[in-house]
Protein backbone atom coordinates (compact mmCIF):
# COMPACT_ATOMS: atom_id res chain seq x y z
CA MET A 1 -24.57 -4.18 22.89
CA PRO A 2 -23.52 -3.33 19.17
CA GLN A 3 -22.71 -6.12 16.82
CA ALA A 4 -19.18 -6.49 15.94
CA ALA A 5 -18.01 -7.38 12.35
CA SER A 6 -17.80 -11.36 11.57
CA TRP A 7 -15.33 -13.00 9.46
CA THR A 8 -14.53 -16.47 7.72
CA GLY A 9 -11.03 -17.54 6.76
CA THR A 10 -7.84 -16.19 7.00
CA PRO A 11 -5.45 -14.07 4.93
CA SER A 12 -2.88 -16.20 3.11
CA ILE A 13 -0.49 -15.64 0.10
CA LYS A 14 0.85 -18.66 -2.25
CA GLY A 15 4.58 -18.94 -2.29
CA SER A 16 7.45 -20.93 -0.69
CA THR A 17 9.57 -18.04 0.64
CA GLU A 18 8.66 -14.76 1.98
CA SER A 19 10.16 -12.79 -0.89
CA VAL A 20 8.08 -14.75 -3.28
CA ARG A 21 4.85 -14.20 -1.26
CA MET A 22 5.93 -10.26 -0.75
CA ALA A 23 6.51 -10.26 -4.75
CA LEU A 24 2.94 -12.03 -5.62
CA LEU A 25 1.31 -9.80 -2.89
CA THR A 26 2.47 -6.57 -4.56
CA TYR A 27 2.84 -7.54 -8.10
CA SER A 28 -0.36 -5.95 -9.48
CA LEU A 29 1.57 -2.58 -8.83
CA VAL A 30 3.98 -3.35 -11.60
CA GLY A 31 1.00 -3.36 -14.33
CA LEU A 32 -0.37 -0.31 -12.38
CA GLN A 33 2.56 1.96 -12.87
CA PHE A 34 3.21 0.67 -16.32
CA THR A 35 0.00 1.98 -17.42
CA TRP A 36 0.74 5.16 -15.61
CA GLY A 37 4.09 5.33 -17.10
CA ILE A 38 2.67 5.18 -20.71
CA GLU A 39 0.00 7.76 -19.93
CA MET A 40 2.55 10.07 -18.32
CA THR A 41 4.92 9.69 -21.18
CA TYR A 42 2.34 10.11 -24.09
CA CYS A 43 -0.99 11.51 -23.24
CA THR A 44 0.33 15.20 -22.91
CA PRO A 45 2.00 15.23 -26.38
CA TYR A 46 -0.96 13.54 -27.88
CA LEU A 47 -3.15 15.95 -26.78
CA LEU A 48 -1.11 18.72 -27.85
CA GLN A 49 -0.72 17.05 -31.15
CA LEU A 50 -4.42 16.75 -31.42
CA GLY A 51 -4.81 20.68 -31.01
CA LEU A 52 -4.98 21.47 -27.53
CA THR A 53 -3.05 24.30 -26.00
CA LYS A 54 -0.72 23.53 -22.89
CA SER A 55 -3.33 25.51 -20.79
CA LYS A 56 -6.30 23.36 -21.84
CA THR A 57 -4.21 20.46 -21.62
CA SER A 58 -3.57 21.01 -17.82
CA LEU A 59 -7.35 21.28 -17.43
CA VAL A 60 -7.44 17.85 -18.78
CA TRP A 61 -5.33 16.34 -16.15
CA ILE A 62 -7.70 17.24 -13.69
CA ALA A 63 -8.98 13.89 -14.45
CA GLY A 64 -6.15 12.50 -12.04
CA PRO A 65 -6.89 14.43 -8.92
CA LEU A 66 -10.66 14.18 -9.53
CA SER A 67 -10.46 10.59 -10.00
CA GLY A 68 -8.48 9.93 -6.83
CA LEU A 69 -10.96 12.51 -4.91
CA VAL A 70 -13.81 10.57 -5.80
CA MET A 71 -12.44 6.79 -6.29
CA GLY A 72 -9.93 6.52 -3.59
CA PRO A 73 -12.29 6.94 -0.39
CA VAL A 74 -15.37 5.77 -1.99
CA VAL A 75 -13.82 2.75 -3.23
CA GLY A 76 -12.29 2.18 0.11
CA VAL A 77 -15.39 2.24 2.14
CA LEU A 78 -17.35 0.19 -0.41
CA ALA A 79 -14.60 -2.28 -0.39
CA ASP A 80 -14.31 -2.28 3.54
CA ASN A 81 -18.20 -3.45 3.68
CA SER A 82 -18.07 -5.74 0.77
CA LYS A 83 -19.20 -9.10 1.42
CA SER A 84 -18.11 -10.93 -1.88
CA LYS A 85 -16.99 -14.60 -1.31
CA TYR A 86 -13.74 -13.37 -3.45
CA GLY A 87 -12.89 -10.88 -0.70
CA ARG A 88 -13.00 -7.29 -0.21
CA ARG A 89 -10.37 -5.84 -2.51
CA ARG A 90 -9.82 -8.36 -5.63
CA PRO A 91 -13.14 -7.69 -7.17
CA PHE A 92 -12.51 -4.14 -7.61
CA MET A 93 -9.20 -4.71 -8.83
CA ILE A 94 -10.27 -6.95 -11.60
CA GLY A 95 -13.11 -4.95 -12.66
CA GLY A 96 -11.07 -1.88 -12.71
CA ALA A 97 -8.42 -3.70 -14.82
CA ILE A 98 -10.91 -4.38 -17.45
CA ILE A 99 -12.32 -1.04 -17.54
CA VAL A 100 -8.73 0.53 -17.71
CA SER A 101 -7.81 -1.93 -20.58
CA MET A 102 -10.99 -1.15 -22.59
CA GLY A 103 -10.20 2.70 -22.04
CA LEU A 104 -6.41 2.30 -23.32
CA LEU A 105 -7.84 0.74 -26.63
CA VAL A 106 -10.07 3.68 -27.18
CA LEU A 107 -7.63 6.07 -26.40
CA GLY A 108 -5.32 4.60 -28.70
CA TRP A 109 -7.76 4.33 -31.65
CA THR A 110 -9.69 7.39 -30.93
CA ALA A 111 -9.25 9.04 -34.38
CA GLU A 112 -10.04 5.89 -36.17
CA ILE A 113 -13.27 5.21 -33.97
CA VAL A 114 -14.42 8.77 -34.77
CA GLY A 115 -13.59 8.66 -38.48
CA PHE A 116 -15.69 5.59 -38.75
CA PHE A 117 -18.85 7.66 -37.97
CA VAL A 118 -17.96 11.39 -38.77
CA PRO A 119 -16.41 12.46 -41.99
CA GLU A 120 -13.51 14.62 -42.36
CA SER A 121 -14.28 18.22 -40.84
CA GLU A 122 -13.58 20.27 -37.77
CA LEU A 123 -16.59 18.18 -35.97
CA ARG A 124 -14.52 15.28 -36.32
CA ARG A 125 -11.42 17.06 -34.70
CA GLN A 126 -13.41 18.13 -32.06
CA LEU A 127 -14.93 14.88 -31.52
CA THR A 128 -11.66 13.11 -31.46
CA ILE A 129 -10.32 15.42 -28.68
CA ALA A 130 -13.44 14.83 -26.82
CA LEU A 131 -13.29 11.26 -27.11
CA ALA A 132 -9.80 11.17 -26.19
CA VAL A 133 -10.45 13.13 -23.00
CA LEU A 134 -13.26 10.97 -22.16
CA SER A 135 -11.00 8.09 -22.48
CA ILE A 136 -8.33 9.59 -20.14
CA TYR A 137 -10.94 10.21 -17.47
CA LEU A 138 -12.22 6.65 -17.61
CA VAL A 139 -8.72 5.27 -17.41
CA ASP A 140 -7.84 7.63 -14.40
CA PHE A 141 -11.07 6.88 -12.73
CA ALA A 142 -10.80 2.99 -12.96
CA ILE A 143 -6.93 2.98 -12.23
CA ASN A 144 -7.40 4.95 -8.79
CA ALA A 145 -9.77 2.31 -7.91
CA ILE A 146 -7.32 -0.43 -8.55
CA GLN A 147 -4.58 1.32 -6.61
CA SER A 148 -6.86 2.05 -3.75
CA SER A 149 -7.60 -1.69 -3.47
CA CYS A 150 -4.09 -2.70 -3.90
CA ARG A 151 -2.83 -0.89 -1.30
CA SER A 152 -5.61 -1.78 0.99
CA LEU A 153 -4.77 -5.45 0.12
CA ILE A 154 -1.22 -5.23 1.48
CA VAL A 155 -2.44 -3.43 4.84
CA ASP A 156 -5.16 -6.04 5.12
CA THR A 157 -2.85 -9.02 4.37
CA LEU A 158 0.34 -8.11 6.40
CA PRO A 159 0.84 -7.85 10.38
CA ILE A 160 2.47 -4.71 11.82
CA PRO A 161 6.00 -6.07 11.75
CA LYS A 162 5.75 -6.52 8.04
CA GLN A 163 4.12 -3.33 6.97
CA GLN A 164 7.53 -1.68 6.26
CA LYS A 165 8.54 -4.75 4.33
CA GLY A 166 5.33 -4.62 2.40
CA SER A 167 5.68 -1.03 1.59
CA ALA A 168 9.39 -1.71 0.50
CA TRP A 169 8.40 -4.30 -1.82
CA ALA A 170 5.46 -2.19 -3.48
CA SER A 171 8.18 0.92 -3.89
CA ARG A 172 10.30 -1.86 -5.65
CA MET A 173 7.11 -3.09 -7.78
CA ILE A 174 6.46 0.36 -8.64
CA ALA A 175 9.94 1.33 -9.83
CA ILE A 176 9.95 -1.95 -11.81
CA GLY A 177 6.73 -0.97 -13.50
CA HIS A 178 7.83 2.44 -14.26
CA LEU A 179 11.24 1.07 -15.52
CA ALA A 180 9.35 -1.36 -17.88
CA GLY A 181 6.96 1.30 -19.03
CA TYR A 182 9.66 3.94 -19.71
CA GLY A 183 11.59 1.05 -21.18
CA VAL A 184 9.15 0.21 -23.75
CA SER A 185 8.54 3.74 -24.50
CA THR A 186 12.14 4.36 -25.36
CA ILE A 187 12.00 1.31 -28.01
CA ASP A 188 10.72 2.01 -31.40
CA LEU A 189 8.13 -0.47 -31.50
CA LEU A 190 7.24 -0.25 -35.02
CA LYS A 191 10.58 -1.80 -36.01
CA ILE A 192 9.92 -4.81 -33.80
CA PHE A 193 6.07 -5.67 -34.47
CA GLY A 194 5.64 -3.76 -37.50
CA LYS A 195 1.78 -2.62 -37.70
CA THR A 196 0.50 -5.80 -35.87
CA LEU A 197 -0.20 -3.91 -32.81
CA GLY A 198 -1.16 -0.61 -34.22
CA GLY A 199 0.06 1.70 -36.90
CA SER A 200 2.09 4.18 -34.46
CA GLN A 201 4.10 3.88 -31.41
CA PHE A 202 1.43 5.15 -29.12
CA LYS A 203 -1.07 2.52 -30.40
CA GLN A 204 1.24 -0.31 -29.70
CA CYS A 205 1.91 1.20 -26.17
CA CYS A 206 -1.59 1.15 -25.23
CA VAL A 207 -2.01 -2.40 -26.27
CA ILE A 208 1.17 -3.71 -24.17
CA ALA A 209 -0.18 -1.75 -21.24
CA ALA A 210 -3.57 -2.99 -21.46
CA PHE A 211 -2.19 -6.69 -21.28
CA ALA A 212 0.34 -5.89 -18.86
CA LEU A 213 -2.32 -4.56 -16.37
CA LEU A 214 -4.58 -7.53 -16.86
CA LEU A 215 -1.85 -10.01 -16.23
CA SER A 216 -0.24 -8.38 -13.23
CA VAL A 217 -3.52 -7.76 -11.38
CA GLY A 218 -4.58 -11.27 -12.50
CA VAL A 219 -1.43 -12.81 -10.80
CA THR A 220 -2.18 -10.94 -7.38
CA SER A 221 -5.74 -12.20 -7.27
CA TRP A 222 -4.53 -15.72 -8.20
CA ALA A 223 -1.88 -15.45 -5.23
CA VAL A 224 -3.89 -13.48 -2.41
CA ASN A 225 -6.44 -15.38 -0.36
CA GLU A 226 -8.61 -12.75 1.46
CA ARG A 227 -10.73 -13.25 4.66
CA VAL A 228 -14.43 -12.92 3.78
CA LEU A 229 -16.61 -10.41 5.48
CA ILE A 230 -19.86 -12.12 6.84
CA SER A 231 -21.37 -9.15 8.74
CA ALA A 232 -20.27 -5.67 9.24
CA ARG A 233 -20.28 -3.64 12.57
CA ASP A 234 -23.91 -2.29 13.41
CA ALA A 235 -22.29 1.08 12.50
CA ASP A 236 -21.23 0.09 9.05
CA LYS A 237 -24.42 -1.70 8.04
CA LYS A 238 -25.74 1.34 6.39
CA SER A 239 -23.97 2.04 3.13
CA GLY A 240 -25.91 4.46 1.11
CA ALA A 241 -24.46 7.21 -0.55
CA LEU A 242 -25.11 9.77 2.01
CA LYS A 243 -23.80 7.22 4.62
CA VAL A 244 -20.81 6.72 2.85
CA LEU A 245 -20.14 10.44 2.08
CA GLY A 246 -20.86 11.18 5.72
CA LYS A 247 -18.19 8.57 7.06
CA ILE A 248 -15.52 9.81 4.73
CA LEU A 249 -16.06 13.35 5.83
CA LYS A 250 -16.50 12.58 9.73
CA THR A 251 -13.29 10.38 9.56
CA THR A 252 -11.32 13.04 7.65
CA TRP A 253 -12.14 15.54 10.12
CA HIS A 254 -11.32 13.36 13.05
CA LEU A 255 -8.17 11.92 11.98
CA PRO A 256 -5.74 10.54 14.66
CA ASP A 257 -2.85 13.06 14.85
CA ARG A 258 -0.23 10.97 13.39
CA ILE A 259 -2.38 9.81 10.29
CA ARG A 260 -3.18 13.71 10.11
CA ALA A 261 0.66 14.40 9.87
CA ILE A 262 1.31 12.02 7.39
CA CYS A 263 -1.47 13.29 5.17
CA TRP A 264 -0.12 16.72 5.38
CA VAL A 265 3.03 15.71 4.32
CA GLN A 266 1.87 14.07 1.47
CA PHE A 267 -0.25 17.03 0.60
CA TRP A 268 2.82 19.05 0.20
CA ALA A 269 4.95 16.92 -1.27
CA TRP A 270 2.48 16.20 -4.09
CA ILE A 271 2.02 19.73 -5.21
CA GLY A 272 5.69 19.21 -6.22
CA TRP A 273 5.45 15.57 -7.65
CA PHE A 274 2.36 16.72 -9.88
CA PRO A 275 4.21 18.97 -12.53
CA PHE A 276 7.03 16.15 -12.53
CA LEU A 277 5.22 13.11 -13.01
CA PHE A 278 2.95 14.66 -15.62
CA TYR A 279 5.31 16.95 -17.54
CA SER A 280 8.65 15.73 -17.31
CA THR A 281 8.76 13.60 -20.28
CA THR A 282 7.42 16.59 -22.33
CA TRP A 283 9.97 19.01 -20.87
CA VAL A 284 12.70 16.75 -21.53
CA GLY A 285 11.62 16.36 -24.89
CA GLU A 286 10.86 19.96 -25.46
CA THR A 287 14.42 20.72 -24.25
CA TYR A 288 15.99 18.47 -26.81
CA PHE A 289 14.07 20.07 -29.68
CA ARG A 290 14.38 23.73 -28.53
CA TYR A 291 18.09 23.80 -27.70
CA THR A 292 19.94 21.31 -29.80
CA PRO A 293 21.49 23.05 -32.74
CA ASP A 294 20.51 20.07 -35.37
CA ALA A 295 18.22 21.20 -38.44
CA SER A 296 17.18 17.65 -38.90
CA ILE A 297 15.67 17.60 -35.45
CA ALA A 298 13.04 20.41 -36.35
CA ASP A 299 12.10 18.27 -39.60
CA SER A 300 11.25 15.02 -37.44
CA ALA A 301 8.35 13.19 -39.22
CA ASP A 302 7.11 11.84 -36.07
CA PRO A 303 7.66 14.66 -33.36
CA LEU A 304 4.95 12.89 -30.96
CA GLY A 305 6.99 9.70 -30.95
CA ASP A 306 10.44 11.61 -30.74
CA ILE A 307 9.38 13.45 -27.53
CA GLY A 308 7.90 10.40 -25.92
CA ARG A 309 10.97 8.39 -26.64
CA ILE A 310 13.51 11.07 -25.83
CA GLY A 311 11.48 12.03 -22.54
CA SER A 312 11.27 8.29 -21.71
CA LEU A 313 15.23 7.63 -21.72
CA SER A 314 15.49 10.35 -19.10
CA LEU A 315 12.64 8.57 -16.97
CA LEU A 316 14.16 5.10 -17.82
CA ILE A 317 17.25 6.28 -15.90
CA PHE A 318 15.04 7.82 -13.36
CA SER A 319 13.05 4.36 -12.95
CA ILE A 320 16.63 2.68 -12.44
CA VAL A 321 17.73 4.83 -9.83
CA THR A 322 14.32 4.41 -8.11
CA PHE A 323 14.55 0.56 -8.47
CA ILE A 324 17.83 0.71 -7.07
CA GLY A 325 16.97 2.64 -4.24
CA SER A 326 14.00 0.77 -3.49
CA VAL A 327 15.99 -2.42 -3.30
CA PHE A 328 19.02 -1.06 -0.97
CA LEU A 329 17.30 2.07 1.16
CA PRO A 330 15.32 -0.44 3.41
CA PHE A 331 18.55 -2.14 4.49
CA ALA A 332 20.09 1.29 5.08
CA VAL A 333 17.24 2.70 6.94
CA ARG A 334 15.93 1.94 10.53
CA SER A 335 12.36 0.47 10.48
CA PRO A 336 9.62 2.86 11.98
CA GLU A 337 8.15 0.06 14.21
CA ASN A 338 11.70 -0.66 15.99
CA GLU A 339 11.55 2.66 17.29
CA THR A 340 10.16 3.71 20.66
CA LYS A 341 8.65 7.02 21.34
CA SER A 342 11.85 8.60 22.59
CA GLY A 343 13.58 7.36 19.51
CA GLN A 344 15.47 4.52 21.06
CA ARG A 345 15.28 1.03 19.36
CA ASN A 346 12.91 -1.48 21.35
CA PHE A 347 14.75 -4.66 20.44
CA THR A 348 18.41 -5.83 20.38
CA PRO A 349 19.61 -6.98 17.20
CA ARG A 350 21.42 -10.30 17.17
CA PRO A 351 23.58 -10.80 13.84
CA PRO A 352 25.63 -13.69 13.30
CA PRO A 353 28.89 -13.42 15.87
CA ALA A 354 31.38 -13.10 13.18
CA ILE A 355 29.99 -9.71 11.86
CA ALA A 356 28.21 -8.65 14.94
CA PRO A 357 30.74 -5.64 15.68
CA LEU A 358 30.65 -4.46 12.13
CA ALA A 359 26.86 -4.79 11.96
CA ASN A 360 26.28 -3.16 15.10
CA PHE A 361 28.55 -0.25 14.21
CA ILE A 362 26.69 0.16 11.09
CA ASP A 363 23.23 0.04 12.48
CA ASP A 364 24.30 2.84 15.05
CA PHE A 365 24.61 5.06 11.79
CA LYS A 366 21.36 4.24 10.15
CA PRO A 367 18.95 7.10 9.89
CA ASP A 368 15.27 6.52 10.77
CA LEU A 369 12.55 6.65 7.81
CA LEU A 370 11.51 9.82 8.86
CA THR A 371 14.79 11.48 8.67
CA SER A 372 15.29 9.76 5.22
CA TRP A 373 11.78 11.02 4.14
CA LEU A 374 12.78 14.52 5.13
CA LEU A 375 16.07 14.45 3.14
CA SER A 376 14.32 13.32 0.12
CA HIS A 377 12.00 16.32 0.06
CA LEU A 378 15.19 18.62 0.13
CA ILE A 379 17.00 16.79 -2.76
CA PHE A 380 14.08 17.02 -4.95
CA ALA A 381 13.41 20.71 -3.99
CA GLY A 382 17.17 20.99 -4.87
CA ALA A 383 16.85 19.58 -8.38
CA MET A 384 13.86 21.31 -9.19
CA PHE A 385 15.05 24.57 -8.44
CA LEU A 386 17.24 24.14 -11.40
CA ALA A 387 14.90 23.36 -14.04
CA PRO A 388 14.47 26.84 -15.27
CA PHE A 389 18.31 27.13 -16.10
CA VAL A 390 18.55 23.93 -18.02
CA ARG A 391 19.43 24.16 -21.64
CA SER A 392 20.65 20.81 -22.62
CA LEU A 393 19.40 17.22 -22.61
CA HIS A 394 22.09 15.98 -20.49
CA MET A 395 21.33 18.38 -17.86
CA ALA A 396 17.63 17.67 -17.82
CA THR A 397 18.51 14.12 -17.93
CA VAL A 398 20.71 14.47 -14.70
CA LEU A 399 17.92 16.41 -12.98
CA VAL A 400 15.30 14.02 -13.43
CA SER A 401 17.42 10.88 -12.62
CA ILE A 402 18.33 12.91 -9.28
CA CYS A 403 14.82 12.48 -8.43
CA GLY A 404 14.80 8.68 -8.49
CA ILE A 405 15.65 8.36 -4.93
CA PRO A 406 13.13 11.04 -3.62
CA TRP A 407 10.48 9.07 -5.50
CA ALA A 408 11.66 5.58 -3.84
CA LEU A 409 10.86 7.34 -0.34
CA ALA A 410 7.77 8.77 -1.70
CA CYS A 411 6.23 5.33 -2.81
CA TRP A 412 7.39 3.87 0.28
CA ALA A 413 7.30 5.95 3.59
CA PRO A 414 3.82 7.14 3.83
CA PHE A 415 2.30 3.68 3.10
CA SER A 416 4.77 2.26 5.56
CA TYR A 417 3.62 4.74 8.33
CA MET A 418 -0.08 4.91 7.45
CA GLY A 419 0.01 0.84 7.60
CA ILE A 420 1.51 0.76 11.06
CA GLU A 421 -0.90 3.32 12.41
CA VAL A 422 -3.82 1.51 11.00
CA ASN A 423 -2.78 -1.72 12.32
CA ARG A 424 -1.98 -0.14 15.79
CA MET A 425 -5.70 0.37 15.87
CA THR A 426 -6.76 -3.03 15.28
CA ALA A 427 -8.21 -4.84 18.60
CA PRO A 428 -5.83 -6.58 20.94
CA SER A 429 -7.57 -9.94 20.64
CA THR A 430 -9.55 -12.09 18.70
CA MET A 431 -12.40 -14.03 19.58
CA LEU A 432 -13.47 -17.25 18.01
CA ALA A 433 -17.00 -18.43 17.45
CA ASN A 434 -16.73 -20.84 20.74
CA GLY A 435 -16.11 -17.80 22.91
CA SER A 436 -12.41 -18.36 23.52
CA SER A 437 -9.99 -16.00 22.67
CA TYR A 438 -6.39 -15.55 21.59
CA ARG A 439 -3.74 -12.81 21.12
CA ARG A 440 -1.48 -13.09 18.12
CA LEU A 441 2.12 -11.96 19.14
CA PRO A 442 4.24 -11.27 15.90
CA THR A 443 7.91 -12.41 15.87
CA PRO A 444 10.63 -11.77 13.52
CA ALA A 445 10.09 -15.13 11.97
CA ASP A 446 6.39 -14.56 11.65
CA ASP A 447 5.07 -16.47 8.65
CA PHE A 448 2.27 -14.20 7.31
CA SER A 449 1.01 -16.97 4.89
CA SER A 450 0.57 -19.56 7.53
CA SER A 451 -3.15 -20.05 8.97
CA ALA A 452 -3.88 -18.81 12.59
CA PRO A 453 -5.73 -21.28 14.78
CA SER A 454 -8.21 -22.87 12.35
CA PRO A 455 -11.63 -21.83 13.22
CA ASN A 456 -14.02 -21.65 10.45
CA PHE A 457 -15.49 -18.44 11.71
CA LEU A 458 -13.81 -15.47 13.05
CA ARG A 459 -15.21 -12.43 15.02
CA LEU A 460 -13.03 -9.38 15.74
CA ASN A 461 -13.36 -8.06 19.03
CA HIS A 462 -13.10 -4.12 18.77
CA LEU A 463 -11.91 -1.75 21.02
CA ASP A 464 -14.02 -0.67 23.98
CA ARG A 465 -14.51 2.77 22.49
CA ASP A 466 -16.15 0.96 19.13
CA LEU A 467 -18.84 -0.53 21.48
CA ASP A 468 -19.37 2.64 23.25
CA ASP A 469 -20.03 5.19 20.35
CA ASP A 470 -20.74 3.64 16.85
CA ASP A 471 -20.20 7.38 15.56
CA ASP A 472 -17.03 8.00 16.92
CA PRO A 473 -14.73 8.25 13.83
CA ASP A 474 -11.72 7.06 15.49
CA SER A 475 -13.27 3.88 16.41
CA SER A 476 -11.88 2.27 13.36
CA THR A 477 -9.52 -0.55 13.35
CA GLY A 478 -7.62 -2.71 10.68
CA GLU A 479 -10.70 -3.69 8.90
CA THR A 480 -11.04 -0.05 7.96
CA ALA A 481 -7.94 0.30 6.05
CA GLY A 482 -9.75 1.20 2.92
CA ILE A 483 -11.26 4.45 4.17
CA TYR A 484 -7.88 5.44 5.92
CA LEU A 485 -5.89 4.77 2.70
CA GLY A 486 -8.71 6.37 0.65
CA ILE A 487 -8.19 9.49 2.76
CA LEU A 488 -4.34 9.57 2.34
CA ASN A 489 -5.31 9.39 -1.56
CA LEU A 490 -7.22 12.34 -0.81
CA PHE A 491 -4.32 14.35 0.49
CA THR A 492 -2.55 13.07 -2.73
CA THR A 493 -5.06 14.19 -5.17
CA LEU A 494 -6.20 17.53 -3.72
CA PRO A 495 -2.79 19.16 -4.04
CA GLN A 496 -2.84 17.89 -7.91
CA PHE A 497 -6.04 20.33 -8.11
CA VAL A 498 -3.34 23.22 -6.80
CA GLY A 499 -0.91 22.00 -9.07
CA THR A 500 -3.33 21.85 -12.17
CA PHE A 501 -4.50 25.32 -11.32
CA ILE A 502 -0.76 26.53 -11.44
CA SER A 503 0.02 25.03 -14.35
CA MET A 504 -2.82 26.51 -16.24
CA ILE A 505 -1.89 30.06 -15.34
CA VAL A 506 1.65 29.38 -16.15
CA PHE A 507 1.16 27.90 -19.48
CA GLU A 508 -1.51 30.63 -20.34
CA ILE A 509 0.99 33.26 -19.60
CA LEU A 510 4.12 31.61 -21.11
CA GLU A 511 3.22 29.61 -23.79
CA PRO A 512 -0.15 30.22 -25.26
CA GLY A 513 -1.20 28.80 -28.50
CA LYS A 514 -0.47 25.41 -30.01
CA HIS A 515 2.59 23.34 -29.34
CA PRO A 516 4.92 24.53 -32.19
CA GLU A 517 6.93 21.23 -32.26
CA LEU A 518 3.86 19.32 -32.87
CA HIS A 519 2.40 21.59 -35.09
CA LYS A 520 5.17 22.30 -37.62
CA GLY A 521 4.39 24.40 -40.64
CA GLU A 522 1.27 25.68 -39.47
CA ASP A 523 0.53 29.34 -38.56
CA VAL A 524 -0.15 29.49 -34.69
CA GLU A 525 -2.60 31.84 -33.38
CA GLY A 526 -2.16 34.31 -36.38
CA GLU A 527 1.73 34.00 -36.24
CA GLY A 528 4.18 32.22 -38.76
CA LYS A 529 5.59 29.17 -37.36
CA ASP A 530 9.06 30.29 -37.24
CA ASP A 531 8.10 33.53 -35.05
CA VAL A 532 6.38 31.18 -32.42
CA VAL A 533 9.35 28.83 -32.05
CA LYS A 534 11.53 31.89 -31.78
CA LYS A 535 9.31 33.09 -29.03
CA VAL A 536 9.03 30.17 -26.94
CA THR A 537 12.66 29.27 -27.12
CA GLU A 538 13.75 32.49 -26.06
CA GLY A 539 11.30 32.81 -23.13
CA PRO A 540 11.20 30.76 -20.14
CA ASN A 541 9.83 27.15 -20.32
CA GLY A 542 6.46 26.79 -18.92
CA ILE A 543 6.96 23.47 -17.59
CA ALA A 544 10.22 24.50 -16.15
CA VAL A 545 8.64 27.18 -14.22
CA CYS A 546 5.95 24.73 -12.76
CA LEU A 547 8.63 22.61 -11.70
CA PHE A 548 10.37 25.37 -9.99
CA ILE A 549 7.27 26.26 -8.14
CA GLY A 550 6.87 22.59 -7.06
CA ALA A 551 10.37 22.91 -5.49
CA ILE A 552 8.97 25.35 -3.17
CA SER A 553 6.09 23.26 -2.19
CA ALA A 554 8.64 20.36 -1.50
CA LEU A 555 10.23 22.57 1.29
CA GLY A 556 6.63 22.74 2.72
CA ALA A 557 6.90 19.06 2.80
CA ALA A 558 10.29 18.86 4.48
CA TYR A 559 9.03 21.30 7.45
CA ALA A 560 5.85 19.08 7.64
CA THR A 561 8.03 15.79 8.06
CA GLY A 562 10.21 17.58 10.58
CA ARG A 563 7.08 18.49 12.56
CA MET A 564 5.95 14.79 12.35
CA LYS A 565 9.33 13.63 13.31
CA ARG A 566 9.06 15.68 16.59
CA MET A 567 5.64 13.98 17.13
CA TYR A 568 7.20 10.53 17.00
CA ARG A 569 9.67 11.55 19.48
CA ARG A 570 7.42 13.02 21.61
CA PRO A 571 7.51 11.03 24.84
């Protein structure tokens, strides 16, 4: 009989209340999203300032989907089989945070590092661009490893009844991280810190992001105790590169129907989200520079900082809306694990008698999570369809802010359903080392920080199909959360390749050459600066066109969500 996986210890989280424990479990996502926010705000205008065209800059952003394509599933499989005494996820989180911090510091000081070795010349400029691009790749690869591990840690630690709550808390922490990142970006840091943290806004943001990521990952790693894998299943003991790749491909090809449905919704949704997340800051800044009739704006001494700060202000409002949505939407949406296949609730709510009639009346009108997710795609599509027609900073800010609600659902719904589906594949019982067994029955008052019956050694008893066929791709249980979340990450990153390809074509057609606002006074591609600015201003904005195309894809995501909804309703 094949050997089942063996474990020691039980998952636990420090904290005296459930809210504190949830906050500590998901706190690492604050630093993660803070770092993403800084990168999304400044790196596009930074690369444009170095002399890259928009079409070439879009190619640089292949780093995001490429790193997700590689790091998500690979780190997931490696972590699933890790026997570290510190747990399966935390070593990857801590190691990734250190690498990201180093990459951020190199990114902020690329010109100084290259200038130390190479005198002023065209070669120096080219090497500066190369080092900046390499730093972005390093940051993206490492940050995807952290993200995969953070998400898997939530699935590993929480039982099924807590998965939606865990995903909702993760959404809140993501919103807080974005809020903090964009909030810091709107402040003139040079007026506060002088040149203590660096001589520019971008450098100081890189330093703060590095510190914030190390702090948040450190807090979660300190607060969460993982169970330790003693021995993997016989089917998982071989962990060579070909074995890992084969397992990823086989599992992806044979996904359970509901998990496949979640992945396809994510695929279509992220074709739309990619240009929004990577270019919306630049789009808002460009809108301000190009359509505001103020001569002093065109003569800005720091256009990179100005575009970053102006764009960040709109995304700050976007993050506030996202945070409010992530806090209140879970109370207004019916939890998916409380639905039967026919759509009826499988429990009877028992509110306090004084408010029972009102509570039950309100509860009857709550939409389920799938309906809310579907509506969020439609809201996002409606806002982005208007992007090419925007000619004012205020309208651009309104459209960006509206997308805060859809983003709150995007950070919550797919991971909630994925966590539930992965945990539903968990074995129904657990065997102790002495041969006895117990079945854990979750209750509404379930305290996930308390210990299970306290053996020193736990062995998970897998489903029969696990023992019958080691190579069955569906024979995964909750212990393989890493690979399933890694595959979900594949369906998040593959559409970004599509978005990158679309952006490259759009930019090459509509906005070839250097960015006029960031290269004022220069002749661009043989034309005077004034001629280029006039041409770009009078033509359609390339980023706005990309956002419009993303809106079309969001309609595809809405259709896929509708199909998934019918699948869940199927008796």
